[in-house]
Amino acid sequence: MNPSPEAREWGKRQAARSPRWTDEKWNRVAVIFTITLSTQPDPQQEESADRQAPAPVREAA
């Protein structure tokens, strides 16, 4: 079920009114939570995802 056109427009209006976070604010929050924000993909994370075996698929009885 998709939202109605009216609901989509309402969401767009709400998003336009909301405050925008600056890069500085994102970085301050990252320091507080000791996380790393990056626009570059993490090669180690990609590598570990490649090594994970897919979950076995079970047939319905």
N, C-alpha and C. Protein backbone atom coordinates (compact mmCIF):
# COMPACT_ATOMS: atom_id res chain seq x y z
N MET A 1 0.84 -1.16 0.00
CA MET A 1 0.00 0.00 0.00
C MET A 1 0.90 1.24 0.00
N ASN A 2 0.71 2.09 -0.95
CA ASN A 2 1.49 3.31 -1.06
C ASN A 2 0.73 4.47 -0.44
N PRO A 3 1.48 5.48 0.06
CA PRO A 3 0.80 6.65 0.62
C PRO A 3 0.06 7.42 -0.47
N SER A 4 -0.99 8.11 -0.07
CA SER A 4 -1.77 8.90 -1.01
C SER A 4 -0.96 10.10 -1.48
N PRO A 5 -1.32 10.70 -2.61
CA PRO A 5 -0.63 11.91 -3.07
C PRO A 5 -0.67 13.03 -2.03
N GLU A 6 -1.79 13.13 -1.31
CA GLU A 6 -1.89 14.15 -0.26
C GLU A 6 -0.89 13.89 0.85
N ALA A 7 -0.75 12.63 1.23
CA ALA A 7 0.21 12.27 2.28
C ALA A 7 1.64 12.55 1.83
N ARG A 8 1.93 12.27 0.57
CA ARG A 8 3.27 12.55 0.04
C ARG A 8 3.56 14.05 0.07
N GLU A 9 2.59 14.86 -0.34
CA GLU A 9 2.76 16.32 -0.32
C GLU A 9 2.95 16.83 1.10
N TRP A 10 2.16 16.28 2.05
CA TRP A 10 2.31 16.67 3.44
C TRP A 10 3.71 16.35 3.93
N GLY A 11 4.22 15.17 3.60
CA GLY A 11 5.56 14.77 4.00
C GLY A 11 6.63 15.69 3.43
N LYS A 12 6.45 16.08 2.17
CA LYS A 12 7.41 17.00 1.54
C LYS A 12 7.39 18.36 2.24
N ARG A 13 6.20 18.84 2.59
CA ARG A 13 6.11 20.12 3.30
C ARG A 13 6.78 20.04 4.67
N GLN A 14 6.54 18.94 5.38
CA GLN A 14 7.16 18.77 6.70
C GLN A 14 8.68 18.72 6.59
N ALA A 15 9.18 17.99 5.60
CA ALA A 15 10.63 17.88 5.42
C ALA A 15 11.25 19.23 5.07
N ALA A 16 10.54 20.03 4.28
CA ALA A 16 11.05 21.35 3.90
C ALA A 16 11.13 22.28 5.11
N ARG A 17 10.25 22.09 6.09
CA ARG A 17 10.25 22.94 7.28
C ARG A 17 11.25 22.51 8.33
N SER A 18 11.73 21.26 8.27
CA SER A 18 12.60 20.75 9.32
C SER A 18 14.00 21.36 9.21
N PRO A 19 14.67 21.52 10.35
CA PRO A 19 16.02 22.10 10.32
C PRO A 19 17.01 21.14 9.65
N ARG A 20 18.00 21.71 9.02
CA ARG A 20 19.05 20.92 8.37
C ARG A 20 20.26 20.83 9.29
N TRP A 21 20.85 19.65 9.37
CA TRP A 21 22.06 19.48 10.15
C TRP A 21 23.26 19.82 9.28
N THR A 22 24.17 20.58 9.85
CA THR A 22 25.41 20.90 9.14
C THR A 22 26.39 19.74 9.30
N ASP A 23 27.44 19.74 8.48
CA ASP A 23 28.47 18.71 8.62
C ASP A 23 29.11 18.79 10.01
N GLU A 24 29.26 20.02 10.51
CA GLU A 24 29.85 20.19 11.84
C GLU A 24 29.01 19.50 12.91
N LYS A 25 27.68 19.65 12.82
CA LYS A 25 26.80 19.01 13.81
C LYS A 25 26.87 17.49 13.70
N TRP A 26 26.87 16.95 12.48
CA TRP A 26 27.00 15.50 12.30
C TRP A 26 28.31 15.01 12.92
N ASN A 27 29.39 15.77 12.71
CA ASN A 27 30.69 15.36 13.25
C ASN A 27 30.70 15.42 14.77
N ARG A 28 30.06 16.43 15.37
CA ARG A 28 29.99 16.50 16.84
C ARG A 28 29.23 15.31 17.40
N VAL A 29 28.13 14.95 16.78
CA VAL A 29 27.35 13.80 17.23
C VAL A 29 28.16 12.52 17.06
N ALA A 30 28.90 12.42 15.97
CA ALA A 30 29.74 11.25 15.74
C ALA A 30 30.79 11.11 16.84
N VAL A 31 31.37 12.22 17.27
CA VAL A 31 32.37 12.17 18.34
C VAL A 31 31.72 11.69 19.64
N ILE A 32 30.53 12.18 19.93
CA ILE A 32 29.83 11.78 21.15
C ILE A 32 29.60 10.28 21.17
N PHE A 33 29.18 9.73 20.04
CA PHE A 33 28.88 8.30 19.98
C PHE A 33 30.05 7.46 19.50
N THR A 34 31.20 8.09 19.33
CA THR A 34 32.43 7.44 18.86
C THR A 34 32.18 6.57 17.62
N ILE A 35 31.60 7.20 16.62
CA ILE A 35 31.39 6.53 15.35
C ILE A 35 32.13 7.29 14.26
N THR A 36 32.34 6.63 13.15
CA THR A 36 33.03 7.25 12.03
C THR A 36 32.02 7.46 10.91
N LEU A 37 31.93 8.70 10.44
CA LEU A 37 31.07 9.02 9.31
C LEU A 37 31.96 9.13 8.08
N SER A 38 31.59 8.43 7.04
CA SER A 38 32.40 8.45 5.84
C SER A 38 31.52 8.33 4.61
N THR A 39 31.94 9.00 3.56
CA THR A 39 31.23 8.87 2.29
C THR A 39 31.85 7.76 1.45
N GLN A 40 32.99 7.24 1.91
CA GLN A 40 33.68 6.17 1.20
C GLN A 40 33.26 4.81 1.77
N PRO A 41 33.07 3.80 0.93
CA PRO A 41 32.75 2.48 1.45
C PRO A 41 33.93 1.89 2.21
N ASP A 42 33.64 1.11 3.23
CA ASP A 42 34.67 0.46 4.02
C ASP A 42 35.06 -0.85 3.34
N PRO A 43 36.31 -0.96 2.84
CA PRO A 43 36.72 -2.19 2.13
C PRO A 43 36.62 -3.43 3.00
N GLN A 44 36.93 -3.32 4.30
CA GLN A 44 36.83 -4.49 5.18
C GLN A 44 35.39 -4.96 5.30
N GLN A 45 34.45 -4.04 5.40
CA GLN A 45 33.05 -4.41 5.54
C GLN A 45 32.56 -5.08 4.26
N GLU A 46 32.95 -4.55 3.11
CA GLU A 46 32.55 -5.16 1.84
C GLU A 46 33.13 -6.56 1.71
N GLU A 47 34.39 -6.70 2.14
CA GLU A 47 35.08 -7.99 2.04
C GLU A 47 34.39 -9.04 2.91
N SER A 48 34.02 -8.66 4.15
CA SER A 48 33.38 -9.62 5.05
C SER A 48 31.99 -9.99 4.53
N ALA A 49 31.29 -9.04 3.90
CA ALA A 49 29.97 -9.34 3.34
C ALA A 49 30.10 -10.33 2.18
N ASP A 50 31.18 -10.21 1.42
CA ASP A 50 31.40 -11.13 0.30
C ASP A 50 31.67 -12.54 0.79
N ARG A 51 32.30 -12.68 1.97
CA ARG A 51 32.66 -14.00 2.48
C ARG A 51 31.51 -14.71 3.17
N GLN A 52 30.47 -13.99 3.55
CA GLN A 52 29.35 -14.62 4.25
C GLN A 52 28.59 -15.52 3.30
N ALA A 53 28.31 -16.71 3.76
CA ALA A 53 27.56 -17.67 2.95
C ALA A 53 26.09 -17.30 2.98
N PRO A 54 25.40 -17.46 1.86
CA PRO A 54 23.97 -17.16 1.88
C PRO A 54 23.22 -18.16 2.75
N ALA A 55 22.13 -17.71 3.34
CA ALA A 55 21.32 -18.57 4.20
C ALA A 55 20.70 -19.68 3.35
N PRO A 56 20.66 -20.88 3.90
CA PRO A 56 20.05 -21.98 3.14
C PRO A 56 18.56 -21.74 2.92
N VAL A 57 18.07 -22.14 1.78
CA VAL A 57 16.67 -21.97 1.45
C VAL A 57 15.97 -23.30 1.68
N ARG A 58 14.88 -23.27 2.44
CA ARG A 58 14.13 -24.49 2.70
C ARG A 58 12.87 -24.49 1.87
N GLU A 59 12.56 -25.61 1.32
CA GLU A 59 11.36 -25.77 0.51
C GLU A 59 10.14 -25.92 1.41
N ALA A 60 9.03 -25.37 0.99
CA ALA A 60 7.78 -25.55 1.73
C ALA A 60 7.29 -26.97 1.55
N ALA A 61 6.71 -27.53 2.58
CA ALA A 61 6.26 -28.92 2.52
C ALA A 61 4.94 -29.05 1.78
